[in-house]
Structure formats: C-alpha cells, structure tokens
Protein backbone atom coordinates (compact mmCIF):
# COMPACT_ATOMS: atom_id res chain seq x y z
CA MET A 1 88.25 -76.14 112.50
CA ILE A 2 86.19 -77.68 115.00
CA PHE A 3 84.25 -80.51 114.64
CA SER A 4 81.30 -81.79 116.14
CA SER A 5 80.87 -84.99 117.73
CA PHE A 6 78.41 -87.36 115.73
CA SER A 7 79.68 -90.56 117.86
CA ASP A 8 75.81 -91.31 118.83
CA VAL A 9 74.52 -90.53 115.05
CA SER A 10 74.01 -92.38 112.41
CA VAL A 11 76.24 -90.49 109.37
CA ASN A 12 78.31 -91.70 106.72
CA SER A 13 79.66 -88.14 105.82
CA VAL A 14 80.43 -84.56 106.94
CA VAL A 15 80.13 -82.07 104.61
CA SER A 16 81.86 -78.43 106.28
CA ILE A 17 82.16 -74.52 105.73
CA TRP A 18 83.71 -71.91 106.52
CA HIS A 19 81.16 -69.39 107.26
CA LEU A 20 77.48 -69.64 108.05
CA VAL A 21 75.27 -69.86 104.74
CA VAL A 22 71.80 -71.26 104.92
CA CYS A 23 70.72 -71.21 101.40
CA ASP A 24 71.14 -74.50 99.42
CA VAL A 25 73.34 -76.57 102.32
CA LEU A 26 70.10 -79.76 101.93
CA ASP A 27 71.27 -80.20 98.28
CA LEU A 28 74.32 -81.71 99.65
CA ARG A 29 73.60 -85.15 100.25
CA ASN A 30 75.91 -88.55 100.82
CA ASN A 31 76.25 -91.63 98.31
CA ALA A 32 73.20 -92.93 100.32
CA GLY A 33 70.96 -89.97 99.46
CA GLN A 34 70.66 -88.68 103.32
CA ASN A 35 70.79 -85.09 104.40
CA ILE A 36 74.16 -84.04 105.66
CA PHE A 37 74.83 -80.59 106.91
CA ILE A 38 77.15 -79.31 109.70
CA PHE A 39 78.22 -75.83 109.69
CA LEU A 40 82.01 -74.94 111.27
CA THR A 41 83.78 -72.12 112.03
CA ASN A 42 86.80 -71.02 113.35
CA ARG A 43 85.34 -69.11 115.73
CA ASP A 44 85.10 -70.77 119.53
CA PRO A 45 82.63 -71.85 119.89
CA PRO A 46 81.23 -72.46 116.71
CA MET A 47 78.43 -70.86 115.59
CA LEU A 48 76.13 -73.11 114.80
CA SER A 49 76.40 -77.13 114.13
CA ILE A 50 73.37 -79.55 113.11
CA LYS A 51 73.15 -83.04 113.29
CA GLU A 52 71.03 -85.01 111.91
CA ILE A 53 69.22 -88.11 114.07
CA PHE A 54 68.22 -90.75 112.66
CA PHE A 55 64.64 -92.54 114.23
CA ASP A 56 62.82 -95.75 113.07
CA ASP A 57 59.19 -94.35 111.54
CA TYR A 58 60.28 -90.88 111.28
CA GLU A 59 61.56 -88.95 108.23
CA ASN A 60 63.80 -86.78 109.61
CA GLY A 61 65.03 -85.41 113.22
CA LEU A 62 67.36 -82.89 114.13
CA GLU A 63 69.57 -81.80 116.87
CA VAL A 64 70.46 -78.13 116.69
CA ASN A 65 73.12 -76.24 118.61
CA ASN A 66 74.03 -72.62 118.06
CA PRO A 67 76.29 -71.62 121.77
CA ARG A 68 76.36 -67.64 120.50
CA VAL A 69 72.88 -67.57 121.02
CA GLY A 70 72.17 -70.09 123.36
CA LEU A 71 70.18 -72.52 120.88
CA HIS A 72 69.59 -76.33 121.48
CA ALA A 73 66.83 -77.28 119.76
CA PHE A 74 65.47 -80.28 118.07
CA ILE A 75 63.04 -80.85 115.03
CA ALA A 76 61.32 -83.86 114.06
CA ILE A 77 59.58 -84.54 110.95
CA HIS A 78 57.94 -87.63 111.35
CA SER A 79 55.69 -88.01 108.30
CA THR A 80 55.27 -86.05 104.70
CA ILE A 81 53.62 -88.44 103.26
CA LEU A 82 50.03 -86.17 103.07
CA GLY A 83 52.12 -82.72 102.53
CA PRO A 84 54.78 -80.93 104.50
CA ALA A 85 55.00 -81.29 108.05
CA LEU A 86 53.21 -78.39 109.94
CA GLY A 87 53.95 -78.16 113.87
CA GLY A 88 54.25 -75.65 116.34
CA THR A 89 57.47 -74.23 117.82
CA ARG A 90 57.73 -75.14 122.11
CA ILE A 91 60.10 -73.52 123.88
CA TYR A 92 60.32 -74.89 127.34
CA PRO A 93 63.31 -75.53 130.22
CA TYR A 94 63.20 -79.31 130.06
CA ARG A 95 65.23 -80.69 132.73
CA LYS A 96 67.46 -82.90 130.31
CA ARG A 97 68.34 -83.45 126.26
CA GLU A 98 66.49 -86.82 126.63
CA ASP A 99 63.50 -85.01 127.74
CA ALA A 100 62.86 -82.47 125.40
CA LEU A 101 63.83 -85.67 122.70
CA ASP A 102 61.12 -87.28 124.18
CA ASP A 103 58.51 -84.53 123.65
CA VAL A 104 59.44 -83.80 120.09
CA LEU A 105 59.19 -87.14 118.69
CA ARG A 106 55.57 -87.51 120.18
CA LEU A 107 54.13 -84.27 119.44
CA ALA A 108 55.64 -84.65 116.13
CA ARG A 109 54.13 -88.44 115.89
CA ALA A 110 50.40 -87.02 117.23
CA MET A 111 50.71 -84.09 114.56
CA THR A 112 50.95 -86.70 111.50
CA TYR A 113 47.43 -88.47 113.05
CA LYS A 114 45.96 -84.79 113.70
CA SER A 115 46.78 -83.65 110.08
CA ALA A 116 45.35 -86.88 108.90
CA LEU A 117 42.32 -86.41 110.64
CA ALA A 118 41.62 -83.03 109.73
CA GLU A 119 41.97 -83.83 106.54
CA ASN A 120 44.03 -80.79 105.78
CA GLY A 121 46.74 -82.00 103.52
CA PHE A 122 49.74 -81.14 105.64
CA GLY A 123 51.92 -83.85 107.46
CA GLY A 124 53.21 -83.93 111.22
CA GLY A 125 56.55 -82.23 112.41
CA LYS A 126 57.04 -80.39 116.06
CA SER A 127 60.57 -78.57 116.91
CA VAL A 128 61.59 -77.23 120.47
CA ILE A 129 63.73 -75.22 121.77
CA ILE A 130 65.16 -75.81 125.21
CA ALA A 131 64.66 -72.61 126.94
CA ASP A 132 62.82 -70.83 129.61
CA PRO A 133 60.45 -68.71 127.78
CA LYS A 134 60.29 -66.09 130.56
CA THR A 135 64.01 -65.50 131.29
CA GLN A 136 66.17 -66.90 128.15
CA LYS A 137 64.24 -66.43 124.62
CA ASN A 138 65.10 -63.43 122.76
CA GLU A 139 65.65 -61.74 119.46
CA ALA A 140 68.73 -63.70 118.47
CA LEU A 141 67.60 -67.38 119.38
CA LEU A 142 64.87 -66.72 117.17
CA LEU A 143 66.36 -65.54 114.80
CA ALA A 144 69.22 -68.29 114.33
CA PHE A 145 66.24 -71.25 114.44
CA GLY A 146 64.72 -69.20 112.14
CA GLU A 147 67.26 -69.86 109.99
CA VAL A 148 67.56 -73.61 110.75
CA ILE A 149 64.27 -73.57 109.66
CA ASN A 150 64.14 -72.31 106.22
CA LEU A 151 67.25 -75.42 105.40
CA LEU A 152 64.81 -77.33 105.57
CA LYS A 153 62.81 -75.37 102.47
CA GLY A 154 59.47 -76.44 103.56
CA SER A 155 59.16 -79.77 104.24
CA TYR A 156 58.48 -78.00 107.91
CA ILE A 157 56.38 -75.09 109.20
CA ALA A 158 56.82 -73.77 112.19
CA ALA A 159 53.84 -72.00 113.99
CA GLU A 160 53.18 -70.91 117.66
CA ASP A 161 53.20 -73.12 120.59
CA VAL A 162 53.48 -73.51 124.18
CA GLY A 163 56.25 -71.07 125.26
CA SER A 164 56.11 -68.77 121.73
CA THR A 165 54.00 -66.50 120.52
CA GLU A 166 53.50 -64.43 117.59
CA ASP A 167 55.40 -61.99 117.87
CA ASP A 168 57.85 -64.83 117.97
CA MET A 169 56.72 -66.31 114.82
CA SER A 170 57.18 -62.88 113.14
CA ILE A 171 60.93 -63.07 114.15
CA ILE A 172 61.50 -66.91 112.91
CA ARG A 173 59.58 -64.80 109.89
CA ARG A 174 62.07 -62.48 109.47
CA LYS A 175 64.72 -65.49 108.21
CA THR A 176 62.11 -67.95 106.79
CA PRO A 177 59.32 -68.15 105.06
CA TYR A 178 58.25 -71.32 106.23
CA VAL A 179 56.42 -69.94 109.43
CA ALA A 180 52.43 -69.83 110.00
CA GLY A 181 50.02 -67.98 112.12
CA LEU A 182 51.54 -64.60 112.09
CA PRO A 183 49.83 -61.44 113.50
CA THR A 184 49.09 -60.01 109.80
CA GLU A 185 46.05 -59.70 107.65
CA ARG A 186 46.95 -62.43 105.86
CA SER A 187 47.63 -64.94 108.28
CA SER A 188 45.62 -66.87 110.66
CA GLY A 189 47.09 -65.27 113.41
CA ASP A 190 46.92 -66.53 117.48
CA PRO A 191 45.19 -70.35 116.79
CA SER A 192 44.21 -70.57 120.52
CA ARG A 193 40.35 -68.85 120.35
CA PHE A 194 39.98 -71.97 116.97
CA THR A 195 41.69 -74.87 119.78
CA ALA A 196 39.27 -73.58 121.82
CA TRP A 197 35.94 -73.71 119.53
CA GLY A 198 37.30 -76.87 118.55
CA LEU A 199 37.65 -78.27 122.39
CA PHE A 200 34.14 -76.72 122.75
CA ARG A 201 32.23 -78.74 120.11
CA GLY A 202 34.21 -82.02 121.50
CA LEU A 203 32.87 -81.71 124.56
CA GLN A 204 29.14 -81.20 123.08
CA ALA A 205 30.18 -84.46 121.10
CA VAL A 206 31.01 -85.81 124.83
CA ALA A 207 27.63 -84.74 126.00
CA GLN A 208 25.89 -86.21 122.80
CA LYS A 209 27.06 -89.40 123.94
CA LEU A 210 26.86 -89.95 127.20
CA TRP A 211 23.52 -87.78 128.12
CA ASN A 212 22.07 -87.73 124.23
CA THR A 213 22.24 -84.39 124.09
CA PRO A 214 25.00 -81.81 123.66
CA SER A 215 24.50 -79.07 125.86
CA LEU A 216 26.76 -78.89 128.73
CA GLU A 217 24.40 -76.61 130.84
CA LYS A 218 24.67 -77.21 134.77
CA LYS A 219 27.41 -80.25 133.87
CA VAL A 220 30.51 -79.61 135.90
CA ILE A 221 33.64 -79.62 134.20
CA ALA A 222 36.80 -79.53 135.53
CA ILE A 223 39.91 -77.55 133.50
CA GLN A 224 43.79 -78.00 134.72
CA GLY A 225 45.61 -75.37 132.86
CA LEU A 226 44.15 -71.72 131.98
CA GLY A 227 46.27 -70.77 129.59
CA HIS A 228 44.97 -69.00 125.93
CA VAL A 229 42.71 -72.65 125.70
CA GLY A 230 42.06 -73.31 129.01
CA SER A 231 40.76 -69.34 130.14
CA GLY A 232 38.90 -69.73 126.31
CA ILE A 233 37.22 -72.81 126.88
CA ALA A 234 35.89 -71.57 130.51
CA ASN A 235 34.67 -68.99 128.91
CA LEU A 236 32.89 -70.49 126.51
CA LEU A 237 31.56 -73.22 129.11
CA PHE A 238 30.16 -70.52 131.11
CA GLY A 239 28.32 -68.38 128.42
CA GLU A 240 26.68 -72.07 127.87
CA GLY A 241 25.56 -72.80 131.14
CA ALA A 242 28.19 -75.18 132.97
CA ASP A 243 29.52 -75.05 136.36
CA LEU A 244 33.46 -74.95 136.18
CA ILE A 245 36.08 -75.87 138.60
CA LEU A 246 39.71 -74.80 137.78
CA THR A 247 43.42 -74.87 138.50
CA ASP A 248 46.71 -73.97 137.56
CA LEU A 249 49.89 -73.18 138.50
CA ASP A 250 49.23 -69.90 138.79
CA ARG A 251 46.58 -68.82 141.53
CA ASP A 252 46.08 -65.51 140.50
CA GLN A 253 45.38 -67.08 136.81
CA SER A 254 42.74 -69.08 138.51
CA ASP A 255 41.39 -66.32 140.87
CA ALA A 256 41.36 -63.98 138.55
CA LEU A 257 39.07 -66.14 136.06
CA ALA A 258 37.16 -67.80 138.63
CA MET A 259 36.03 -64.35 139.92
CA LYS A 260 34.52 -63.77 136.08
CA THR A 261 33.17 -67.62 135.82
CA GLY A 262 31.11 -68.18 139.56
CA ALA A 263 34.33 -71.45 139.25
CA ARG A 264 35.41 -73.29 142.41
CA VAL A 265 39.27 -73.05 142.23
CA ILE A 266 40.95 -76.02 143.87
CA GLU A 267 45.08 -76.78 144.29
CA PRO A 268 46.91 -78.60 141.33
CA ASP A 269 47.56 -81.47 143.35
CA ASP A 270 43.66 -81.95 143.72
CA TYR A 271 43.05 -82.24 140.15
CA PHE A 272 42.99 -85.88 140.02
CA ASN A 273 40.73 -86.61 142.32
CA VAL A 274 38.03 -84.06 142.18
CA PRO A 275 34.29 -85.46 141.30
CA CYS A 276 33.18 -84.08 138.15
CA ASP A 277 31.34 -84.90 134.85
CA ILE A 278 34.25 -84.05 132.42
CA LEU A 279 37.98 -83.63 133.32
CA ALA A 280 39.30 -81.37 130.59
CA PRO A 281 43.06 -80.88 131.00
CA CYS A 282 44.55 -78.46 128.68
CA ALA A 283 47.93 -77.91 130.12
CA ILE A 284 50.88 -80.63 130.04
CA GLY A 285 50.90 -84.37 128.60
CA GLY A 286 51.74 -88.02 130.32
CA ILE A 287 49.11 -87.18 132.79
CA LEU A 288 46.85 -90.11 132.41
CA ASN A 289 48.78 -92.86 132.76
CA ALA A 290 48.51 -95.92 135.65
CA ASP A 291 48.61 -93.34 138.78
CA THR A 292 45.91 -90.78 137.85
CA ILE A 293 43.36 -93.12 136.42
CA PRO A 294 42.26 -94.99 138.92
CA ARG A 295 42.03 -91.71 141.15
CA LEU A 296 39.57 -90.44 138.10
CA ALA A 297 36.52 -89.27 139.77
CA CYS A 298 34.53 -88.29 136.44
CA ARG A 299 32.05 -89.64 133.55
CA ALA A 300 34.94 -88.71 130.64
CA VAL A 301 38.18 -87.19 130.20
CA ALA A 302 38.50 -84.55 127.11
CA GLY A 303 41.03 -81.61 127.00
CA SER A 304 43.58 -79.48 124.44
CA ALA A 305 46.76 -80.62 126.13
CA ASN A 306 48.64 -83.06 123.87
CA ASN A 307 49.79 -86.33 124.50
CA GLN A 308 47.36 -86.69 127.42
CA LEU A 309 47.93 -90.56 127.76
CA PHE A 310 51.68 -91.34 129.54
CA GLU A 311 51.11 -94.56 127.05
CA GLU A 312 48.75 -96.31 124.34
CA HIS A 313 47.77 -98.86 127.24
CA ASP A 314 46.16 -95.72 129.05
CA GLY A 315 43.85 -95.68 126.75
CA GLN A 316 42.26 -99.37 127.76
CA ARG A 317 42.71 -98.25 131.22
CA LEU A 318 40.18 -95.62 131.34
CA LYS A 319 38.14 -98.30 128.79
CA GLU A 320 38.02 -100.49 131.92
CA ARG A 321 36.91 -97.99 134.12
CA GLY A 322 34.36 -96.71 131.76
CA ILE A 323 35.30 -93.50 131.60
CA LEU A 324 35.12 -92.29 127.61
CA TYR A 325 38.19 -90.56 126.06
CA ALA A 326 37.91 -87.81 123.58
CA PRO A 327 41.81 -88.67 121.90
CA ASP A 328 43.67 -85.41 121.86
CA TYR A 329 44.58 -84.74 118.81
CA VAL A 330 40.69 -84.95 117.88
CA ILE A 331 39.51 -82.30 119.95
CA ASN A 332 42.26 -80.35 120.04
CA ALA A 333 42.96 -79.74 115.80
CA GLY A 334 41.21 -76.70 116.04
CA GLY A 335 44.48 -74.68 115.94
CA LEU A 336 45.91 -76.65 113.35
CA MET A 337 42.64 -76.52 111.03
CA ASN A 338 42.82 -72.77 111.62
CA VAL A 339 46.05 -72.46 110.45
CA SER A 340 46.72 -74.34 107.45
CA ALA A 341 43.85 -72.14 105.67
CA GLU A 342 45.95 -69.08 105.33
CA PHE A 343 48.17 -71.49 103.02
CA GLU A 344 45.09 -72.19 100.51
CA GLN A 345 44.72 -70.90 97.02
CA GLY A 346 41.97 -68.09 97.98
CA GLY A 347 43.84 -67.05 101.55
CA TYR A 348 42.90 -66.98 104.69
CA ASP A 349 39.28 -67.09 105.51
CA PRO A 350 38.07 -67.46 109.16
CA ARG A 351 34.67 -68.32 108.17
CA ARG A 352 35.85 -71.40 106.72
CA SER A 353 38.22 -72.54 109.32
CA ARG A 354 35.40 -72.55 111.58
CA ASP A 355 33.24 -74.46 109.26
CA ASN A 356 36.03 -76.79 109.65
CA VAL A 357 36.69 -76.87 113.04
CA ASN A 358 33.10 -78.02 113.49
CA ARG A 359 33.89 -81.14 111.89
CA ILE A 360 35.72 -81.87 115.31
CA TYR A 361 31.90 -83.04 116.68
CA GLU A 362 30.90 -85.70 113.65
CA THR A 363 34.68 -86.61 114.09
CA LEU A 364 34.43 -87.63 117.50
CA LEU A 365 31.04 -89.06 117.52
CA GLU A 366 32.08 -91.22 114.64
CA ILE A 367 35.26 -92.16 116.74
CA PHE A 368 32.42 -92.85 119.93
CA ASN A 369 30.50 -94.94 118.16
CA ARG A 370 32.73 -97.35 116.28
CA ALA A 371 34.78 -97.93 119.77
CA GLU A 372 31.54 -98.93 121.46
CA LYS A 373 30.60 -101.44 118.64
CA GLU A 374 34.12 -102.56 118.11
CA ASP A 375 34.85 -102.88 121.86
CA LYS A 376 38.23 -101.05 121.73
CA PRO A 377 39.65 -98.03 123.73
CA THR A 378 38.87 -94.70 121.28
CA ASN A 379 42.52 -94.01 121.24
CA PHE A 380 43.00 -97.11 119.31
CA ILE A 381 39.71 -95.83 117.24
CA ALA A 382 41.22 -92.86 116.56
CA ASN A 383 44.59 -94.51 115.17
CA ASP A 384 43.03 -96.76 113.10
CA LEU A 385 41.14 -93.91 111.44
CA GLY A 386 44.92 -91.96 110.85
CA GLU A 387 46.81 -94.83 109.71
CA TYR A 388 43.89 -95.61 107.00
CA LYS A 389 43.97 -91.98 105.45
CA LEU A 390 47.79 -92.00 105.72
CA GLN A 391 48.19 -95.79 103.73
CA HIS A 392 45.30 -94.81 101.12
CA LYS A 393 46.67 -90.57 100.90
CA ILE A 394 43.19 -89.56 101.77
CA ALA A 395 43.43 -85.95 101.17
CA LYS A 396 46.68 -85.86 100.00
CA ARG A 397 47.65 -82.41 99.26
CA GLU A 398 47.72 -81.57 95.24
CA THR A 399 48.04 -77.77 95.07
CA PRO A 400 50.72 -75.82 96.29
CA LEU A 401 51.02 -73.87 99.69
CA ASN A 402 50.83 -70.00 99.05
CA PHE A 403 53.83 -68.61 101.50
CA HIS A 404 52.51 -65.46 101.19
CA PRO A 405 54.55 -62.28 101.50
CA VAL A 406 55.72 -60.54 104.71
CA ALA A 407 56.60 -56.71 103.64
CA GLY A 408 59.86 -55.37 105.10
CA ASP A 409 61.23 -59.57 106.09
CA GLY A 410 63.68 -59.16 103.07
CA ILE A 411 63.46 -62.91 102.33
CA ASN A 412 64.34 -63.99 98.74
CA ARG A 413 60.80 -66.06 97.02
CA GLN A 414 61.99 -66.87 93.66
CA GLU A 415 61.95 -70.51 95.00
CA CYS A 416 60.13 -70.53 97.88
CA LEU A 417 56.69 -68.76 97.07
CA SER A 418 54.93 -71.92 96.74
CA LEU A 419 55.42 -75.66 97.74
CA THR A 420 53.77 -78.48 96.35
C-alpha cells in the first residue's frame, strides 16, 4: 500500500482504504472532529490522494492528486457562515504549486465577501486545477475532480471560471450534483453575460459618482482582457456610446473586436500608461500594485478581474492618487448572483437574476459615498460591509438548496436533492 506524505499537513490520523469509494468518506473523523481522508490503492502510482490542509481563518483546504489522469488541484472553503460555499473552478497552468495555492486562497476569501454583499445566502470557496486548459484538460481529469467535489457533500459547489466551460461543468456533473451553471433549461448556464451586465451597472455608478450622471457616452474606457466578460462589456459600452481602448494577449481577438466597435488597440505593456477616463481590467489579478499605480492616467478603475489589488494597501495608494476604485468582488458579482439563483425554490428565472444584478449600482454608490465621508479607501469600506453582514449573519440561508436532476447523470439523489 502506498501512502502519501503528510509531513507538511497538520493531521492526527489517517484512514486508508484499498478501493476508490466516493460515498460517506467525510463521515470518518478523528477524535478532534477533523475530516481526515486519503484514498490509497495497491497500484503505482496511487489512484487518488487527498490531503486536508489547515489555514487560519479558513474552514477547509484540500490538495488533490490523481497522477493517473494528471489531476493536481486545490479546493479552499473560506466560510460557510451564510450558506454553502459557491465558487468557480479555475483551470490554469500555474508555474508553481505555491502560486496555485495562493490564488485559490485569495479567490475563496473574495467569494465570501462577494456573496455576503450580494446577500445570496452562500459562503465563499474556490477550486483551481493546475493544467493548461487548451492542452491538458480532458474528460478523465474532470470526472476525477467531480468525484472529489462529491466527497464534500455540498459544502462546496463548483461553477465555471477561467479555463473552464459549461461543457466542463456538465462532465463534472456526471459525478456530483454539486455543480452550478450547467447548459440545461433548469440551470443558469454561462454566467458571463450577467457578469458583464453587472460590470456595466458598476461603471454607471462610477460615472454617477465622478460626473453626476450615469451616462458613459463619450467616456474613454480601456479594457484589458477580451474573454467572455471583456468582449461582453465592450459591446455594451459600444452601444452606450463610449470610446473604447482594447488590449489582449491575443492580438487577433483585439483586432476583431476593434473592427466591430471602432476601438483603438494597444499593446498589453502599454495598458497602465494609457490616458483614459476609466480603466477596466477584465483579465488577471494582482495588477494594481506599487509599480503600476503610479503610472495610471485614469480617473477610476472598475473591471471584472478578481483580486485586482496586489495587497490591501494598494487601495490606499489609489485613494492618494485620487483614483476611484470599484472593489472587484462587488462590481464583478453579477455572474455569482445569476448562478446562485438557479438553486431557489421557484427555480431559475433570468429576470430575477437581472433585477438582483442591477443592485450592484446602488451597492457601489453606497461604498463610494461612505468612503468619501469616512475618508477611507473603497476596498476598506467594502470589507467592513462584508464583515458586518457575516458577523450579523445577514441573509443567512434558511431554506434548502434544490439540486435539480439532470437526465442520465446516474447520480443517486436520495440524500442530495436539497441542502440547508
């Protein structure tokens, strides 16, 4: 029998089994009440190993390895105070294990505050798979990952994210019901259009605060990253009459969208120096930092990228430069609001999602006004609001979640049709 190393993990006992069984494993607990699990086989390499890793202020952290299918993943559950953790599955070729771990922890924490401010009755969690989505993602990998999600019994619900698609979620769904954003009539599907709409409403809130009108006509807006959300917001802003500047690592993508919107295309390296009214980063995180902030030539930063601030103090740096910052987990919450709606008792209704997403406008104006009144960075105010809602359990989920059946997935639903 082959054992995985636990030298870097604080655990008190290990339970081993010979065959991969994905039911009731989390009922095995040590004397401290901790969940301990490791799957071992008499094969070389082992089929699946899972380590539970403990972090301060996080409820659970898992490192997953399945060498036979090339699966190396992390799952982080930051908080389930307000409800089950809901967060996307990011598939990305991280250069180092530590980079993936840092990303999943930052993303999971942000999801807690995103859900708290959205008041959707969910907690915060995230998962990342270390793989190139173009060359290493495959059905076997996704199915193995689905088996791991199923072990958590609904404490974490996966959804689409960078590098993953609706079709990927459908594959994962064959192994677990705890998946959102499926391409079915009873699910919400691709959340990007609602993320883009929420970003648009957030940009209107920025305009209202800076120019006393929600109109974005003739405003110069520079968009970094032209994926589903970035291209979606570009089309919305084109219809609004904004003047666009576009950049993406894929120059063909930039040029194609520029042809449709009359936008100006710049090189990615020029993005933080470009004069504009609003900078809208819609790609990677950590881009607002001690190096880039002094170079900015804009009045505001408002984009859909997660974890835009490299560190919390960068919000203060923006404030000192007189640049209005729309906290990312507030302005990019539209997709989360849409996905969470599919679990409601009445079933998914896109009109309800639209109306919920529209609230981003008022939430951001409240944050902007409080930040001005209290002379604090906007990210500090957003964090304070999130902490208040968590401490007072505002909008805590009281009704069960409905995990709607999907024909032919083979999942036994006796114990997983609802979750409180």
